[in-house]
Amino acid sequence: MWVAWSDLARMKIPNKAVLALLAVFAVVGVLTLPLEVYAWRYAHFAIVLAVGFLMTITGVVGAGDAKFAAAMAPFVAAIDSTAVAAIFAVTTILAFILHRLARVSPLRKLAPNWESWERTRDFPMGLPLAVTLIIYLARAAFI
């Protein structure tokens, strides 16, 4: 949620948050996954980072969004990528609608200085990215 909050407030995802998420995977992953699976999950990181880099240089996504998506990737099993894409699609649509509604409602007074309120062409994708990871991990824990 640190990423979501930071992106809403400053339209930036801190590198510390990205590195912290990778550190969590480095520790938790090695303790909970078979070694071969754990090692292959770093390929997920590299692939998403490369795609994110291409999307960043073409102006499709911000650099912080790309880095955070790459840091999320090792947590996701390849077999679950379709489910994660579906979760991300739903959370993105809902986050966009709710953010835009909150921006023009009295709720805006709760965080009057958020940068995301002022940006008309940009959207804080850290919010749906973070919510996607939370939902995916919660779903995986209970299935």
Protein backbone atom coordinates (compact mmCIF):
# COMPACT_ATOMS: atom_id res chain seq x y z
CA MET A 1 0.00 0.00 0.00
CA TRP A 2 3.07 2.25 0.35
CA VAL A 3 3.33 2.26 -3.45
CA ALA A 4 -0.35 3.11 -3.92
CA TRP A 5 -0.21 5.93 -1.39
CA SER A 6 3.01 7.37 -2.78
CA ASP A 7 1.75 7.28 -6.35
CA LEU A 8 -1.52 8.95 -5.37
CA ALA A 9 0.23 11.62 -3.32
CA ARG A 10 3.30 12.36 -5.45
CA MET A 11 2.79 10.48 -8.74
CA LYS A 12 6.03 8.67 -7.98
CA ILE A 13 6.82 5.13 -6.87
CA PRO A 14 9.89 5.20 -4.61
CA ASN A 15 12.82 3.02 -5.64
CA LYS A 16 13.01 2.00 -1.97
CA ALA A 17 9.55 0.45 -2.27
CA VAL A 18 10.56 -1.50 -5.37
CA LEU A 19 13.76 -2.72 -3.71
CA ALA A 20 11.86 -3.62 -0.53
CA LEU A 21 9.43 -5.76 -2.50
CA LEU A 22 12.31 -7.54 -4.23
CA ALA A 23 13.99 -8.08 -0.86
CA VAL A 24 10.80 -9.63 0.51
CA PHE A 25 10.70 -12.03 -2.44
CA ALA A 26 14.39 -12.86 -2.02
CA VAL A 27 13.79 -13.92 1.59
CA VAL A 28 10.27 -15.34 1.48
CA GLY A 29 10.74 -16.98 -1.90
CA VAL A 30 13.84 -18.91 -0.92
CA LEU A 31 12.07 -20.12 2.25
CA THR A 32 8.79 -21.13 0.62
CA LEU A 33 9.48 -22.20 -2.96
CA PRO A 34 11.44 -25.11 -4.35
CA LEU A 35 14.88 -23.85 -5.40
CA GLU A 36 14.28 -24.39 -9.13
CA VAL A 37 10.94 -22.54 -9.03
CA TYR A 38 12.49 -19.76 -6.96
CA ALA A 39 15.31 -19.29 -9.47
CA TRP A 40 12.94 -19.24 -12.45
CA ARG A 41 10.82 -16.53 -10.84
CA TYR A 42 13.71 -14.13 -11.43
CA ALA A 43 13.11 -14.70 -15.15
CA HIS A 44 9.63 -13.25 -14.56
CA PHE A 45 11.32 -10.18 -13.12
CA ALA A 46 13.67 -9.83 -16.11
CA ILE A 47 10.91 -10.28 -18.70
CA VAL A 48 8.53 -7.80 -17.08
CA LEU A 49 11.38 -5.33 -16.56
CA ALA A 50 12.37 -5.56 -20.25
CA VAL A 51 8.76 -5.13 -21.43
CA GLY A 52 8.27 -2.31 -18.92
CA PHE A 53 11.43 -0.60 -20.16
CA LEU A 54 10.12 -0.71 -23.74
CA MET A 55 6.76 0.63 -22.59
CA THR A 56 8.48 3.43 -20.67
CA ILE A 57 10.64 4.59 -23.56
CA THR A 58 7.56 4.67 -25.82
CA GLY A 59 5.65 6.70 -23.23
CA VAL A 60 3.00 4.07 -22.46
CA VAL A 61 3.79 3.76 -18.73
CA GLY A 62 5.93 5.56 -16.21
CA ALA A 63 9.29 4.22 -15.11
CA GLY A 64 8.12 3.67 -11.55
CA ASP A 65 5.14 1.65 -12.75
CA ALA A 66 7.41 -0.51 -14.90
CA LYS A 67 9.88 -1.10 -12.07
CA PHE A 68 7.15 -1.94 -9.59
CA ALA A 69 5.45 -4.35 -12.02
CA ALA A 70 8.82 -6.07 -12.51
CA ALA A 71 9.30 -6.34 -8.73
CA MET A 72 5.81 -7.87 -8.45
CA ALA A 73 6.49 -10.44 -11.18
CA PRO A 74 8.48 -12.97 -9.12
CA PHE A 75 5.53 -13.35 -6.77
CA VAL A 76 3.31 -14.54 -9.63
CA ALA A 77 3.38 -18.13 -10.88
CA ALA A 78 3.47 -18.27 -14.68
CA ILE A 79 0.32 -20.39 -14.70
CA ASP A 80 -1.51 -17.56 -12.91
CA SER A 81 -0.55 -14.82 -15.37
CA THR A 82 -4.00 -14.79 -17.01
CA ALA A 83 -5.69 -14.49 -13.63
CA VAL A 84 -3.35 -11.66 -12.65
CA ALA A 85 -4.06 -9.88 -15.93
CA ALA A 86 -7.80 -10.16 -15.24
CA ILE A 87 -7.39 -8.90 -11.67
CA PHE A 88 -5.26 -6.02 -12.96
CA ALA A 89 -7.83 -5.10 -15.62
CA VAL A 90 -10.65 -4.96 -13.08
CA THR A 91 -8.63 -3.07 -10.47
CA THR A 92 -7.42 -0.57 -13.07
CA ILE A 93 -10.95 0.20 -14.26
CA LEU A 94 -12.32 0.46 -10.72
CA ALA A 95 -9.35 2.52 -9.48
CA PHE A 96 -9.68 4.92 -12.40
CA ILE A 97 -13.42 5.42 -11.88
CA LEU A 98 -13.12 5.80 -8.10
CA HIS A 99 -10.11 8.13 -8.35
CA ARG A 100 -11.85 10.39 -10.85
CA LEU A 101 -15.05 10.44 -8.76
CA ALA A 102 -13.11 11.20 -5.56
CA ARG A 103 -11.25 13.99 -7.34
CA VAL A 104 -14.49 15.93 -7.91
CA SER A 105 -16.14 15.00 -4.61
CA PRO A 106 -15.76 16.23 -1.02
CA LEU A 107 -13.44 13.24 -0.43
CA ARG A 108 -10.72 15.28 -2.10
CA LYS A 109 -10.53 17.40 1.06
CA LEU A 110 -9.11 14.38 2.93
CA ALA A 111 -5.92 14.67 0.85
CA PRO A 112 -6.04 18.12 -0.74
CA ASN A 113 -2.41 18.21 -1.85
CA TRP A 114 -2.22 14.94 -3.76
CA GLU A 115 -0.47 15.39 -7.07
CA SER A 116 -2.77 12.85 -8.73
CA TRP A 117 -5.75 15.18 -8.31
CA GLU A 118 -4.04 17.77 -10.51
CA ARG A 119 -2.87 15.50 -13.32
CA THR A 120 -5.54 15.31 -16.01
CA ARG A 121 -3.64 13.13 -18.49
CA ASP A 122 -1.82 10.86 -16.03
CA PHE A 123 -3.14 8.24 -13.65
CA PRO A 124 -1.39 6.74 -10.58
CA MET A 125 -1.01 3.15 -11.79
CA GLY A 126 0.71 2.24 -8.53
CA LEU A 127 -2.77 2.02 -7.02
CA PRO A 128 -4.13 -0.77 -9.24
CA LEU A 129 -0.74 -2.49 -9.38
CA ALA A 130 -0.54 -2.66 -5.58
CA VAL A 131 -4.15 -3.76 -5.22
CA THR A 132 -3.60 -6.43 -7.87
CA LEU A 133 -0.67 -7.89 -5.93
CA ILE A 134 -2.61 -7.84 -2.67
CA ILE A 135 -5.63 -9.57 -4.21
CA TYR A 136 -3.48 -12.14 -5.99
CA LEU A 137 -1.50 -13.02 -2.86
CA ALA A 138 -4.64 -13.14 -0.70
CA ARG A 139 -6.36 -15.34 -3.28
CA ALA A 140 -3.33 -17.64 -3.46
CA ALA A 141 -3.19 -17.90 0.33
CA PHE A 142 -6.80 -19.03 0.60
CA ILE A 143 -7.02 -21.38 -2.38
